[in-house]
Amino acid sequence: MSEFVIDLILFALLGMTAVAIARLRNLFAVTMLAGIFSLLAAGLFVSLDAVDVAFTEAAVGGGISTVLMLGALALTSREEKKASRDTWLPLLLCLVTGAALIYGTLDMPGFGAADAPIHQHVGSDYIARAKSDTGVPNIVTAVLASYRGYDTLGETTVIFAAAMAVLLLLGFGRDRRGKDGK
């Protein structure tokens, strides 16, 4: 019962943070609240026993994204411009996208269903042989670090390249002085 209460509190805080983000016009406050939202989501993932996802959410959502947004804010204004009165088109686009996503989930197997396709392939092999094959007691770590090591290395490389590209776009690393060195 206590886990349910913790999940409920985290969901309520996530909802309040999302509403606050949508209502604010100060971009610095929005950036800080987005970081808080990511950390709350990481807490929820820990509560749901998805520690690997929580770590990624905290590092990328709460850490790198917040730092990059603050870097972008250093080059822009602090306040969001007023929106035009014609907000029906974005609302319609969101509703159509949401309906398409819901339609796409209608033929999915039930949550935790044993006969789901994901449970019919290598999952049982990983569970049975992970510790003996890799020597790592945590199955998730064994899969990410050993069985899918090259994939994890590739994902890390992509994240690093994206961060470097954003830093270059923001102008970090450029010599801010003129050609004469002054």
C-alpha atoms as a PDB file:
ATOM      1  CA  MET A   1       0.000   0.000   0.000  1.00  0.00           C
ATOM      2  CA  SER A   2       2.826   2.406   0.792  1.00  0.00           C
ATOM      3  CA  GLU A   3       4.290   1.954  -2.715  1.00  0.00           C
ATOM      4  CA  PHE A   4       0.931   2.951  -4.161  1.00  0.00           C
ATOM      5  CA  VAL A   5       0.885   6.105  -2.031  1.00  0.00           C
ATOM      6  CA  ILE A   6       4.423   7.014  -3.127  1.00  0.00           C
ATOM      7  CA  ASP A   7       3.491   6.453  -6.791  1.00  0.00           C
ATOM      8  CA  LEU A   8       0.357   8.553  -6.349  1.00  0.00           C
ATOM      9  CA  ILE A   9       2.321  11.407  -4.746  1.00  0.00           C
ATOM     10  CA  LEU A  10       4.933  11.297  -7.516  1.00  0.00           C
ATOM     11  CA  PHE A  11       2.219  11.328 -10.203  1.00  0.00           C
ATOM     12  CA  ALA A  12       0.517  14.285  -8.498  1.00  0.00           C
ATOM     13  CA  LEU A  13       3.805  16.198  -8.335  1.00  0.00           C
ATOM     14  CA  LEU A  14       4.476  15.390 -12.001  1.00  0.00           C
ATOM     15  CA  GLY A  15       1.029  16.699 -12.929  1.00  0.00           C
ATOM     16  CA  MET A  16       1.451  19.904 -10.915  1.00  0.00           C
ATOM     17  CA  THR A  17       4.889  20.488 -12.426  1.00  0.00           C
ATOM     18  CA  ALA A  18       3.537  19.968 -15.952  1.00  0.00           C
ATOM     19  CA  VAL A  19       0.714  22.460 -15.356  1.00  0.00           C
ATOM     20  CA  ALA A  20       3.180  24.993 -13.927  1.00  0.00           C
ATOM     21  CA  ILE A  21       5.450  24.561 -16.966  1.00  0.00           C
ATOM     22  CA  ALA A  22       2.531  25.137 -19.335  1.00  0.00           C
ATOM     23  CA  ARG A  23       1.431  28.309 -17.538  1.00  0.00           C
ATOM     24  CA  LEU A  24       4.793  30.041 -17.039  1.00  0.00           C
ATOM     25  CA  ARG A  25       6.282  32.536 -19.484  1.00  0.00           C
ATOM     26  CA  ASN A  26       9.676  32.895 -17.791  1.00  0.00           C
ATOM     27  CA  LEU A  27      11.967  30.536 -19.702  1.00  0.00           C
ATOM     28  CA  PHE A  28      14.476  30.192 -16.850  1.00  0.00           C
ATOM     29  CA  ALA A  29      11.712  29.012 -14.508  1.00  0.00           C
ATOM     30  CA  VAL A  30      10.444  26.630 -17.210  1.00  0.00           C
ATOM     31  CA  THR A  31      13.939  25.182 -17.624  1.00  0.00           C
ATOM     32  CA  MET A  32      14.301  24.631 -13.886  1.00  0.00           C
ATOM     33  CA  LEU A  33      10.843  23.045 -13.642  1.00  0.00           C
ATOM     34  CA  ALA A  34      11.637  20.776 -16.603  1.00  0.00           C
ATOM     35  CA  GLY A  35      14.696  19.552 -14.700  1.00  0.00           C
ATOM     36  CA  ILE A  36      12.549  18.977 -11.621  1.00  0.00           C
ATOM     37  CA  PHE A  37      10.015  17.111 -13.774  1.00  0.00           C
ATOM     38  CA  SER A  38      12.778  14.818 -15.042  1.00  0.00           C
ATOM     39  CA  LEU A  39      14.030  14.126 -11.535  1.00  0.00           C
ATOM     40  CA  LEU A  40      10.484  13.378 -10.349  1.00  0.00           C
ATOM     41  CA  ALA A  41      10.071  11.015 -13.303  1.00  0.00           C
ATOM     42  CA  ALA A  42      13.353   9.332 -12.334  1.00  0.00           C
ATOM     43  CA  GLY A  43      12.005   8.892  -8.804  1.00  0.00           C
ATOM     44  CA  LEU A  44       8.862   7.317 -10.230  1.00  0.00           C
ATOM     45  CA  PHE A  45      10.950   4.941 -12.359  1.00  0.00           C
ATOM     46  CA  VAL A  46      12.900   3.887  -9.250  1.00  0.00           C
ATOM     47  CA  SER A  47       9.617   3.268  -7.462  1.00  0.00           C
ATOM     48  CA  LEU A  48       8.536   1.090 -10.402  1.00  0.00           C
ATOM     49  CA  ASP A  49      11.827  -0.904 -10.203  1.00  0.00           C
ATOM     50  CA  ALA A  50      13.188   0.463 -13.489  1.00  0.00           C
ATOM     51  CA  VAL A  51      16.474   1.719 -12.078  1.00  0.00           C
ATOM     52  CA  ASP A  52      18.264   1.712 -15.440  1.00  0.00           C
ATOM     53  CA  VAL A  53      15.572   3.935 -16.962  1.00  0.00           C
ATOM     54  CA  ALA A  54      15.647   6.161 -13.866  1.00  0.00           C
ATOM     55  CA  PHE A  55      19.405   6.626 -14.200  1.00  0.00           C
ATOM     56  CA  THR A  56      19.057   7.589 -17.863  1.00  0.00           C
ATOM     57  CA  GLU A  57      16.196  10.001 -17.107  1.00  0.00           C
ATOM     58  CA  ALA A  58      18.146  11.676 -14.318  1.00  0.00           C
ATOM     59  CA  ALA A  59      21.323  11.983 -16.384  1.00  0.00           C
ATOM     60  CA  VAL A  60      19.790  13.083 -19.675  1.00  0.00           C
ATOM     61  CA  GLY A  61      16.539  14.764 -18.628  1.00  0.00           C
ATOM     62  CA  GLY A  62      17.592  16.288 -15.324  1.00  0.00           C
ATOM     63  CA  GLY A  63      21.262  16.847 -16.125  1.00  0.00           C
ATOM     64  CA  ILE A  64      22.364  17.326 -19.708  1.00  0.00           C
ATOM     65  CA  SER A  65      19.071  18.751 -21.016  1.00  0.00           C
ATOM     66  CA  THR A  66      18.914  21.312 -18.221  1.00  0.00           C
ATOM     67  CA  VAL A  67      22.506  22.405 -18.810  1.00  0.00           C
ATOM     68  CA  LEU A  68      21.949  22.693 -22.575  1.00  0.00           C
ATOM     69  CA  MET A  69      18.738  24.675 -22.084  1.00  0.00           C
ATOM     70  CA  LEU A  70      20.523  27.045 -19.705  1.00  0.00           C
ATOM     71  CA  GLY A  71      23.246  27.471 -22.330  1.00  0.00           C
ATOM     72  CA  ALA A  72      20.615  28.278 -24.940  1.00  0.00           C
ATOM     73  CA  LEU A  73      18.951  30.736 -22.540  1.00  0.00           C
ATOM     74  CA  ALA A  74      22.245  32.597 -22.251  1.00  0.00           C
ATOM     75  CA  LEU A  75      21.866  33.444 -25.947  1.00  0.00           C
ATOM     76  CA  THR A  76      18.167  34.354 -25.930  1.00  0.00           C
ATOM     77  CA  SER A  77      15.670  36.412 -23.983  1.00  0.00           C
ATOM     78  CA  ARG A  78      14.247  35.346 -20.624  1.00  0.00           C
ATOM     79  CA  GLU A  79      10.569  35.693 -21.512  1.00  0.00           C
ATOM     80  CA  GLU A  80       8.489  33.753 -24.005  1.00  0.00           C
ATOM     81  CA  LYS A  81       6.745  35.844 -26.634  1.00  0.00           C
ATOM     82  CA  LYS A  82       2.973  36.105 -26.378  1.00  0.00           C
ATOM     83  CA  ALA A  83       1.164  33.438 -28.351  1.00  0.00           C
ATOM     84  CA  SER A  84      -1.231  34.415 -31.089  1.00  0.00           C
ATOM     85  CA  ARG A  85      -4.956  34.042 -30.519  1.00  0.00           C
ATOM     86  CA  ASP A  86      -5.216  31.304 -33.170  1.00  0.00           C
ATOM     87  CA  THR A  87      -4.335  28.296 -31.027  1.00  0.00           C
ATOM     88  CA  TRP A  88      -6.866  25.894 -32.540  1.00  0.00           C
ATOM     89  CA  LEU A  89      -4.456  24.473 -35.125  1.00  0.00           C
ATOM     90  CA  PRO A  90      -1.824  23.256 -32.611  1.00  0.00           C
ATOM     91  CA  LEU A  91      -4.621  21.898 -30.421  1.00  0.00           C
ATOM     92  CA  LEU A  92      -6.099  20.031 -33.387  1.00  0.00           C
ATOM     93  CA  LEU A  93      -2.666  18.654 -34.291  1.00  0.00           C
ATOM     94  CA  CYS A  94      -2.155  17.420 -30.707  1.00  0.00           C
ATOM     95  CA  LEU A  95      -5.587  15.779 -30.647  1.00  0.00           C
ATOM     96  CA  VAL A  96      -5.017  14.022 -33.993  1.00  0.00           C
ATOM     97  CA  THR A  97      -1.564  12.820 -32.890  1.00  0.00           C
ATOM     98  CA  GLY A  98      -2.958  11.615 -29.557  1.00  0.00           C
ATOM     99  CA  ALA A  99      -5.788   9.766 -31.312  1.00  0.00           C
ATOM    100  CA  ALA A 100      -3.304   8.108 -33.682  1.00  0.00           C
ATOM    101  CA  LEU A 101      -1.139   7.004 -30.738  1.00  0.00           C
ATOM    102  CA  ILE A 102      -4.145   5.576 -28.899  1.00  0.00           C
ATOM    103  CA  TYR A 103      -5.282   3.791 -32.077  1.00  0.00           C
ATOM    104  CA  GLY A 104      -1.799   2.305 -32.414  1.00  0.00           C
ATOM    105  CA  THR A 105      -2.013   0.762 -28.948  1.00  0.00           C
ATOM    106  CA  LEU A 106      -5.351  -0.997 -29.441  1.00  0.00           C
ATOM    107  CA  ASP A 107      -3.847  -4.245 -30.743  1.00  0.00           C
ATOM    108  CA  MET A 108      -1.042  -4.417 -28.190  1.00  0.00           C
ATOM    109  CA  PRO A 109      -0.996  -7.352 -25.764  1.00  0.00           C
ATOM    110  CA  GLY A 110      -2.094  -6.718 -22.190  1.00  0.00           C
ATOM    111  CA  PHE A 111       0.385  -5.279 -19.710  1.00  0.00           C
ATOM    112  CA  GLY A 112       2.484  -8.134 -18.323  1.00  0.00           C
ATOM    113  CA  ALA A 113       0.816 -10.757 -20.524  1.00  0.00           C
ATOM    114  CA  ALA A 114       2.893 -13.936 -20.597  1.00  0.00           C
ATOM    115  CA  ASP A 115       1.982 -14.647 -24.229  1.00  0.00           C
ATOM    116  CA  ALA A 116       3.218 -11.256 -25.466  1.00  0.00           C
ATOM    117  CA  PRO A 117       5.741 -11.517 -28.337  1.00  0.00           C
ATOM    118  CA  ILE A 118       8.449  -9.898 -26.233  1.00  0.00           C
ATOM    119  CA  HIS A 119       8.338 -12.864 -23.843  1.00  0.00           C
ATOM    120  CA  GLN A 120       8.572 -15.507 -26.580  1.00  0.00           C
ATOM    121  CA  HIS A 121      12.127 -14.940 -27.806  1.00  0.00           C
ATOM    122  CA  VAL A 122      15.431 -14.280 -26.053  1.00  0.00           C
ATOM    123  CA  GLY A 123      14.058 -12.975 -22.756  1.00  0.00           C
ATOM    124  CA  SER A 124      13.881 -16.410 -21.143  1.00  0.00           C
ATOM    125  CA  ASP A 125      17.391 -17.155 -22.415  1.00  0.00           C
ATOM    126  CA  TYR A 126      18.720 -13.984 -20.794  1.00  0.00           C
ATOM    127  CA  ILE A 127      17.022 -14.797 -17.507  1.00  0.00           C
ATOM    128  CA  ALA A 128      18.324 -18.378 -17.475  1.00  0.00           C
ATOM    129  CA  ARG A 129      21.927 -17.742 -18.567  1.00  0.00           C
ATOM    130  CA  ALA A 130      22.808 -14.123 -17.702  1.00  0.00           C
ATOM    131  CA  LYS A 131      24.677 -14.816 -14.475  1.00  0.00           C
ATOM    132  CA  SER A 132      26.579 -17.846 -15.778  1.00  0.00           C
ATOM    133  CA  ASP A 133      27.465 -16.179 -19.113  1.00  0.00           C
ATOM    134  CA  THR A 134      28.528 -12.790 -17.780  1.00  0.00           C
ATOM    135  CA  GLY A 135      29.180 -13.184 -14.050  1.00  0.00           C
ATOM    136  CA  VAL A 136      26.962 -10.146 -13.387  1.00  0.00           C
ATOM    137  CA  PRO A 137      24.132 -10.788 -10.888  1.00  0.00           C
ATOM    138  CA  ASN A 138      21.842  -8.032 -12.245  1.00  0.00           C
ATOM    139  CA  ILE A 139      20.126  -9.190 -15.440  1.00  0.00           C
ATOM    140  CA  VAL A 140      19.548  -5.664 -16.793  1.00  0.00           C
ATOM    141  CA  THR A 141      23.206  -4.766 -16.329  1.00  0.00           C
ATOM    142  CA  ALA A 142      24.259  -8.052 -17.910  1.00  0.00           C
ATOM    143  CA  VAL A 143      22.092  -7.406 -20.964  1.00  0.00           C
ATOM    144  CA  LEU A 144      23.155  -3.775 -21.394  1.00  0.00           C
ATOM    145  CA  ALA A 145      26.853  -4.210 -20.671  1.00  0.00           C
ATOM    146  CA  SER A 146      27.525  -7.637 -22.110  1.00  0.00           C
ATOM    147  CA  TYR A 147      24.944  -8.973 -24.542  1.00  0.00           C
ATOM    148  CA  ARG A 148      24.213  -5.538 -26.013  1.00  0.00           C
ATOM    149  CA  GLY A 149      27.573  -3.909 -25.269  1.00  0.00           C
ATOM    150  CA  TYR A 150      28.155  -2.606 -28.785  1.00  0.00           C
ATOM    151  CA  ASP A 151      24.625  -1.220 -28.915  1.00  0.00           C
ATOM    152  CA  THR A 152      25.145   0.582 -25.599  1.00  0.00           C
ATOM    153  CA  LEU A 153      28.472   1.944 -26.852  1.00  0.00           C
ATOM    154  CA  GLY A 154      26.721   3.180 -29.998  1.00  0.00           C
ATOM    155  CA  GLU A 155      23.989   4.903 -27.974  1.00  0.00           C
ATOM    156  CA  THR A 156      26.611   6.578 -25.802  1.00  0.00           C
ATOM    157  CA  THR A 157      28.466   7.743 -28.912  1.00  0.00           C
ATOM    158  CA  VAL A 158      25.282   9.211 -30.390  1.00  0.00           C
ATOM    159  CA  ILE A 159      24.504  11.100 -27.165  1.00  0.00           C
ATOM    160  CA  PHE A 160      28.081  12.432 -27.005  1.00  0.00           C
ATOM    161  CA  ALA A 161      27.962  13.529 -30.673  1.00  0.00           C
ATOM    162  CA  ALA A 162      24.615  15.268 -30.120  1.00  0.00           C
ATOM    163  CA  ALA A 163      25.967  17.118 -27.082  1.00  0.00           C
ATOM    164  CA  MET A 164      29.047  18.254 -29.019  1.00  0.00           C
ATOM    165  CA  ALA A 165      26.884  19.414 -31.930  1.00  0.00           C
ATOM    166  CA  VAL A 166      24.678  21.459 -29.622  1.00  0.00           C
ATOM    167  CA  LEU A 167      27.708  23.016 -27.952  1.00  0.00           C
ATOM    168  CA  LEU A 168      29.145  23.921 -31.361  1.00  0.00           C
ATOM    169  CA  LEU A 169      25.820  25.413 -32.441  1.00  0.00           C
ATOM    170  CA  LEU A 170      25.716  27.490 -29.266  1.00  0.00           C
ATOM    171  CA  GLY A 171      29.165  28.800 -30.063  1.00  0.00           C
ATOM    172  CA  PHE A 172      31.180  27.262 -27.241  1.00  0.00           C
ATOM    173  CA  GLY A 173      34.798  26.677 -28.118  1.00  0.00           C
ATOM    174  CA  ARG A 174      34.982  29.625 -30.500  1.00  0.00           C
ATOM    175  CA  ASP A 175      37.497  32.325 -29.870  1.00  0.00           C
ATOM    176  CA  ARG A 176      35.354  35.293 -28.833  1.00  0.00           C
ATOM    177  CA  ARG A 177      38.155  37.771 -29.463  1.00  0.00           C
ATOM    178  CA  GLY A 178      38.677  39.462 -32.763  1.00  0.00           C
ATOM    179  CA  LYS A 179      41.339  38.501 -35.303  1.00  0.00           C
ATOM    180  CA  ASP A 180      43.782  40.920 -33.738  1.00  0.00           C
ATOM    181  CA  GLY A 181      43.597  38.994 -30.415  1.00  0.00           C
ATOM    182  CA  LYS A 182      42.121  41.881 -28.407  1.00  0.00           C
END
